[in-house]
C-alpha atoms as a PDB file:
ATOM      1  CA  MET A   1      12.952   1.420 -22.767  1.00  0.00           C
ATOM      2  CA  SER A   2      15.326   0.913 -20.480  1.00  0.00           C
ATOM      3  CA  LYS A   3      14.874  -0.824 -17.247  1.00  0.00           C
ATOM      4  CA  THR A   4      17.389   0.064 -14.178  1.00  0.00           C
ATOM      5  CA  GLN A   5      16.557  -2.154 -10.625  1.00  0.00           C
ATOM      6  CA  ILE A   6      16.205   0.444  -7.939  1.00  0.00           C
ATOM      7  CA  LEU A   7      15.069  -2.052  -5.411  1.00  0.00           C
ATOM      8  CA  THR A   8      16.353  -5.576  -4.952  1.00  0.00           C
ATOM      9  CA  ALA A   9      14.513  -8.643  -2.736  1.00  0.00           C
ATOM     10  CA  ASP A  10      17.025  -7.478   0.091  1.00  0.00           C
ATOM     11  CA  GLN A  11      16.266  -4.035   0.167  1.00  0.00           C
ATOM     12  CA  ILE A  12      12.549  -4.207  -0.135  1.00  0.00           C
ATOM     13  CA  GLU A  13      12.571  -7.077   2.650  1.00  0.00           C
ATOM     14  CA  ARG A  14      14.004  -4.727   5.126  1.00  0.00           C
ATOM     15  CA  LYS A  15      12.202  -1.435   3.723  1.00  0.00           C
ATOM     16  CA  LEU A  16       9.005  -3.510   4.885  1.00  0.00           C
ATOM     17  CA  GLN A  17      10.656  -4.343   7.684  1.00  0.00           C
ATOM     18  CA  ARG A  18      10.630  -0.196   8.662  1.00  0.00           C
ATOM     19  CA  MET A  19       7.440   0.101   7.558  1.00  0.00           C
ATOM     20  CA  ALA A  20       5.765  -2.433   9.719  1.00  0.00           C
ATOM     21  CA  ARG A  21       7.690  -0.714  12.568  1.00  0.00           C
ATOM     22  CA  GLU A  22       6.827   2.017  11.962  1.00  0.00           C
ATOM     23  CA  LEU A  23       3.221   1.266  11.522  1.00  0.00           C
ATOM     24  CA  LEU A  24       3.278  -0.381  15.112  1.00  0.00           C
ATOM     25  CA  GLU A  25       4.277   3.102  16.696  1.00  0.00           C
ATOM     26  CA  VAL A  26       1.337   4.589  15.239  1.00  0.00           C
ATOM     27  CA  HIS A  27      -1.479   2.200  15.925  1.00  0.00           C
ATOM     28  CA  ALA A  28       0.841   0.653  18.881  1.00  0.00           C
ATOM     29  CA  HIS A  29      -2.427   1.294  21.509  1.00  0.00           C
ATOM     30  CA  ALA A  30      -5.372   0.042  18.979  1.00  0.00           C
ATOM     31  CA  PRO A  31      -6.072  -3.723  19.574  1.00  0.00           C
ATOM     32  CA  ASN A  32      -6.245  -4.427  15.595  1.00  0.00           C
ATOM     33  CA  VAL A  33      -5.370  -2.996  12.751  1.00  0.00           C
ATOM     34  CA  VAL A  34      -6.868  -2.872   9.491  1.00  0.00           C
ATOM     35  CA  LEU A  35      -4.792  -3.187   6.633  1.00  0.00           C
ATOM     36  CA  VAL A  36      -6.504  -2.511   2.743  1.00  0.00           C
ATOM     37  CA  GLY A  37      -4.260  -3.334   0.120  1.00  0.00           C
ATOM     38  CA  ILE A  38      -5.284  -2.283  -2.749  1.00  0.00           C
ATOM     39  CA  ALA A  39      -5.774  -4.484  -6.266  1.00  0.00           C
ATOM     40  CA  GLY A  40      -2.546  -5.786  -7.367  1.00  0.00           C
ATOM     41  CA  GLN A  41       0.724  -5.165  -5.822  1.00  0.00           C
ATOM     42  CA  GLY A  42      -0.323  -2.660  -3.162  1.00  0.00           C
ATOM     43  CA  GLU A  43      -2.341  -6.299  -2.309  1.00  0.00           C
ATOM     44  CA  ALA A  44       0.864  -8.529  -1.952  1.00  0.00           C
ATOM     45  CA  VAL A  45       2.376  -5.646  -0.147  1.00  0.00           C
ATOM     46  CA  ALA A  46      -0.381  -5.119   2.602  1.00  0.00           C
ATOM     47  CA  GLU A  47      -0.206  -9.519   3.110  1.00  0.00           C
ATOM     48  CA  ARG A  48       3.957  -8.579   3.565  1.00  0.00           C
ATOM     49  CA  LEU A  49       3.253  -5.680   5.714  1.00  0.00           C
ATOM     50  CA  ALA A  50       0.206  -7.922   8.005  1.00  0.00           C
ATOM     51  CA  ARG A  51       2.480 -11.345   8.233  1.00  0.00           C
ATOM     52  CA  ILE A  52       5.464  -9.269   9.432  1.00  0.00           C
ATOM     53  CA  LEU A  53       3.452  -6.823  11.687  1.00  0.00           C
ATOM     54  CA  GLU A  54       2.073 -10.740  13.393  1.00  0.00           C
ATOM     55  CA  GLU A  55       5.209 -11.216  13.633  1.00  0.00           C
ATOM     56  CA  ILE A  56       6.629  -8.541  16.141  1.00  0.00           C
ATOM     57  CA  ALA A  57       3.062  -7.748  17.569  1.00  0.00           C
ATOM     58  CA  PRO A  58       1.099 -10.714  18.051  1.00  0.00           C
ATOM     59  CA  ASN A  59      -0.784  -9.477  20.695  1.00  0.00           C
ATOM     60  CA  GLN A  60      -2.571  -6.981  18.314  1.00  0.00           C
ATOM     61  CA  ARG A  61      -5.189  -8.343  15.427  1.00  0.00           C
ATOM     62  CA  THR A  62      -4.060  -7.995  11.673  1.00  0.00           C
ATOM     63  CA  GLN A  63      -6.500  -8.017   9.186  1.00  0.00           C
ATOM     64  CA  ARG A  64      -5.987  -7.462   5.794  1.00  0.00           C
ATOM     65  CA  MET A  65      -8.687  -6.638   3.432  1.00  0.00           C
ATOM     66  CA  THR A  66      -8.458  -5.392  -0.756  1.00  0.00           C
ATOM     67  CA  LEU A  67      -9.653  -2.920  -2.381  1.00  0.00           C
ATOM     68  CA  ARG A  68     -10.395  -3.253  -6.046  1.00  0.00           C
ATOM     69  CA  LEU A  69     -10.786   0.122  -8.010  1.00  0.00           C
ATOM     70  CA  ASN A  70     -10.282   0.993 -11.926  1.00  0.00           C
ATOM     71  CA  LYS A  71      -6.823   2.970 -11.581  1.00  0.00           C
ATOM     72  CA  LEU A  72      -6.648   4.377 -14.503  1.00  0.00           C
ATOM     73  CA  HIS A  73     -10.564   6.026 -13.593  1.00  0.00           C
ATOM     74  CA  PRO A  74     -11.372   4.923 -10.105  1.00  0.00           C
ATOM     75  CA  ALA A  75     -14.700   6.542 -10.274  1.00  0.00           C
ATOM     76  CA  SER A  76     -16.109   4.967 -13.440  1.00  0.00           C
ATOM     77  CA  GLU A  77     -17.005   2.047 -11.786  1.00  0.00           C
ATOM     78  CA  PRO A  78     -17.579   0.968  -8.055  1.00  0.00           C
ATOM     79  CA  ALA A  79     -14.837   0.119  -5.993  1.00  0.00           C
ATOM     80  CA  GLN A  80     -15.184  -3.526  -5.100  1.00  0.00           C
ATOM     81  CA  PHE A  81     -14.234  -4.548  -1.432  1.00  0.00           C
ATOM     82  CA  SER A  82     -13.996  -8.140  -0.902  1.00  0.00           C
ATOM     83  CA  GLY A  83     -15.409  -8.013   3.264  1.00  0.00           C
ATOM     84  CA  PRO A  84     -18.041  -6.468   4.326  1.00  0.00           C
ATOM     85  CA  SER A  85     -17.523  -2.454   4.846  1.00  0.00           C
ATOM     86  CA  GLU A  86     -18.936  -2.754   8.646  1.00  0.00           C
ATOM     87  CA  ALA A  87     -15.523  -3.769   9.305  1.00  0.00           C
ATOM     88  CA  LEU A  88     -13.699  -1.046   8.161  1.00  0.00           C
ATOM     89  CA  ARG A  89     -16.082   1.094  11.123  1.00  0.00           C
ATOM     90  CA  GLY A  90     -14.048   2.510  13.915  1.00  0.00           C
ATOM     91  CA  GLN A  91     -11.352   1.303  12.662  1.00  0.00           C
ATOM     92  CA  PRO A  92      -7.816   2.532  12.724  1.00  0.00           C
ATOM     93  CA  VAL A  93      -7.180   1.459   8.631  1.00  0.00           C
ATOM     94  CA  VAL A  94      -3.261   1.330   7.110  1.00  0.00           C
ATOM     95  CA  VAL A  95      -4.418   1.793   2.743  1.00  0.00           C
ATOM     96  CA  VAL A  96      -1.426   0.221   1.434  1.00  0.00           C
ATOM     97  CA  ASP A  97      -0.346   0.448  -2.317  1.00  0.00           C
ATOM     98  CA  ASP A  98       3.193  -0.409  -3.970  1.00  0.00           C
ATOM     99  CA  VAL A  99       3.794   2.783  -5.891  1.00  0.00           C
ATOM    100  CA  LEU A 100       2.389   6.065  -5.650  1.00  0.00           C
ATOM    101  CA  ASN A 101       1.870   8.307  -8.581  1.00  0.00           C
ATOM    102  CA  SER A 102      -0.548  11.002  -8.994  1.00  0.00           C
ATOM    103  CA  GLY A 103      -2.724  10.361  -6.419  1.00  0.00           C
ATOM    104  CA  ARG A 104      -5.586   9.379  -8.314  1.00  0.00           C
ATOM    105  CA  THR A 105      -5.624   5.324  -7.292  1.00  0.00           C
ATOM    106  CA  LEU A 106      -5.396   6.396  -2.944  1.00  0.00           C
ATOM    107  CA  ILE A 107      -7.350  10.048  -2.655  1.00  0.00           C
ATOM    108  CA  HIS A 108     -10.671   7.188  -4.306  1.00  0.00           C
ATOM    109  CA  ALA A 109      -9.413   4.663  -1.945  1.00  0.00           C
ATOM    110  CA  VAL A 110      -9.265   6.912   1.169  1.00  0.00           C
ATOM    111  CA  LYS A 111     -12.560   8.158  -0.178  1.00  0.00           C
ATOM    112  CA  TYR A 112     -14.464   4.911   0.043  1.00  0.00           C
ATOM    113  CA  VAL A 113     -12.526   3.664   3.489  1.00  0.00           C
ATOM    114  CA  LEU A 114     -13.538   7.100   5.119  1.00  0.00           C
ATOM    115  CA  ASP A 115     -17.077   7.446   4.165  1.00  0.00           C
ATOM    116  CA  ALA A 116     -16.694   3.104   4.988  1.00  0.00           C
ATOM    117  CA  GLY A 117     -16.426   5.069   8.915  1.00  0.00           C
ATOM    118  CA  ALA A 118     -13.016   4.243   9.560  1.00  0.00           C
ATOM    119  CA  GLU A 119     -11.777   5.875  12.684  1.00  0.00           C
ATOM    120  CA  ARG A 120      -8.119   6.565  11.373  1.00  0.00           C
ATOM    121  CA  ILE A 121      -6.227   6.399   7.885  1.00  0.00           C
ATOM    122  CA  THR A 122      -2.953   5.732   7.491  1.00  0.00           C
ATOM    123  CA  ALA A 123      -1.433   5.771   3.881  1.00  0.00           C
ATOM    124  CA  ALA A 124       1.492   2.701   2.917  1.00  0.00           C
ATOM    125  CA  ILE A 125       3.429   2.666  -0.102  1.00  0.00           C
ATOM    126  CA  LEU A 126       6.231   1.302  -1.393  1.00  0.00           C
ATOM    127  CA  VAL A 127       7.769   3.495  -3.289  1.00  0.00           C
ATOM    128  CA  ASP A 128       6.691   7.705  -3.681  1.00  0.00           C
ATOM    129  CA  ARG A 129       7.189   8.888  -6.811  1.00  0.00           C
ATOM    130  CA  ILE A 130       6.624  12.419  -5.756  1.00  0.00           C
ATOM    131  CA  HIS A 131       4.393  13.087  -8.826  1.00  0.00           C
ATOM    132  CA  ARG A 132       1.504  14.211  -7.750  1.00  0.00           C
ATOM    133  CA  SER A 133      -2.048  15.598  -9.097  1.00  0.00           C
ATOM    134  CA  PHE A 134      -3.959  15.081  -5.431  1.00  0.00           C
ATOM    135  CA  PRO A 135      -3.599  16.571  -2.734  1.00  0.00           C
ATOM    136  CA  VAL A 136      -2.367  13.400  -0.645  1.00  0.00           C
ATOM    137  CA  ARG A 137       0.991  12.355   0.254  1.00  0.00           C
ATOM    138  CA  ALA A 138       1.807   8.423   2.082  1.00  0.00           C
ATOM    139  CA  ASP A 139       2.374   8.559   5.756  1.00  0.00           C
ATOM    140  CA  ILE A 140       4.793   5.679   5.457  1.00  0.00           C
ATOM    141  CA  CYS A 141       6.659   4.969   3.003  1.00  0.00           C
ATOM    142  CA  GLY A 142       9.330   2.288   1.406  1.00  0.00           C
ATOM    143  CA  LEU A 143      11.312   4.729  -0.364  1.00  0.00           C
ATOM    144  CA  SER A 144      11.085   8.458  -2.137  1.00  0.00           C
ATOM    145  CA  LEU A 145      12.249   8.677  -5.436  1.00  0.00           C
ATOM    146  CA  SER A 146      11.410  11.575  -8.228  1.00  0.00           C
ATOM    147  CA  THR A 147      11.287  10.677 -11.186  1.00  0.00           C
ATOM    148  CA  THR A 148      10.319  12.370 -14.737  1.00  0.00           C
ATOM    149  CA  LEU A 149       6.785  12.544 -15.778  1.00  0.00           C
ATOM    150  CA  LYS A 150       7.761   9.999 -18.255  1.00  0.00           C
ATOM    151  CA  GLU A 151       9.185   7.183 -16.737  1.00  0.00           C
ATOM    152  CA  ARG A 152       7.858   4.813 -14.592  1.00  0.00           C
ATOM    153  CA  ILE A 153       8.026   2.366 -11.465  1.00  0.00           C
ATOM    154  CA  GLU A 154       6.826  -1.267 -11.215  1.00  0.00           C
ATOM    155  CA  VAL A 155       7.132  -3.464  -8.797  1.00  0.00           C
ATOM    156  CA  GLU A 156       7.183  -7.169  -8.607  1.00  0.00           C
ATOM    157  CA  THR A 157       7.135  -9.489  -5.716  1.00  0.00           C
ATOM    158  CA  ALA A 158       7.193 -13.265  -5.404  1.00  0.00           C
ATOM    159  CA  ALA A 159       2.907 -12.983  -5.467  1.00  0.00           C
ATOM    160  CA  SER A 160       3.691 -12.006  -9.062  1.00  0.00           C
ATOM    161  CA  GLY A 161       3.930 -15.973 -10.615  1.00  0.00           C
ATOM    162  CA  PRO A 162       6.253 -18.072 -10.306  1.00  0.00           C
ATOM    163  CA  ALA A 163       9.097 -16.781 -11.881  1.00  0.00           C
ATOM    164  CA  ALA A 164       8.807 -13.681  -9.772  1.00  0.00           C
ATOM    165  CA  THR A 165      10.884 -12.201  -7.368  1.00  0.00           C
ATOM    166  CA  ASP A 166      10.769  -9.066  -5.520  1.00  0.00           C
ATOM    167  CA  ALA A 167      12.527  -6.337  -7.641  1.00  0.00           C
ATOM    168  CA  ALA A 168      11.470  -2.475  -8.139  1.00  0.00           C
ATOM    169  CA  TYR A 169      12.680  -1.313 -11.157  1.00  0.00           C
ATOM    170  CA  LEU A 170      12.295   2.583 -12.910  1.00  0.00           C
ATOM    171  CA  VAL A 171      11.159   2.517 -16.655  1.00  0.00           C
ATOM    172  CA  ASP A 172      11.657   4.846 -19.506  1.00  0.00           C
END
């Protein structure tokens, strides 16, 4: 198994800064935005985006919540949401994840948010592998990378553990 670094900590920071500014542009007239991070690294990416948004748009309220899904079999068990689903009703919601692979996890997350009554849904993904099995796409993406089906992307953030630094790897 080989592991090739595709994003350094500085590159991830620049991509997150750009993604936050794109989110601000898309939701410029919204008084608040709800970032729903998919549990795991999606949650860490959402937290970072929320911090950046709070710095660059202090007048816009940013809420951050977590959606926990079984990523291998999302329909096998109900999603767990960190807050009341009513908090999404009528709100612009950004579903955030680290990597978009087949699209299965994202489509189930979007379904949950849609069923909760979100006003608008935007998908923000750090790395898009472009190997979708479902008709979903990232509205805002840090990096699009064409990989083989055997390869996978691993994203590490400082939230991954005490020795972790921000990096993304292509693993085959």
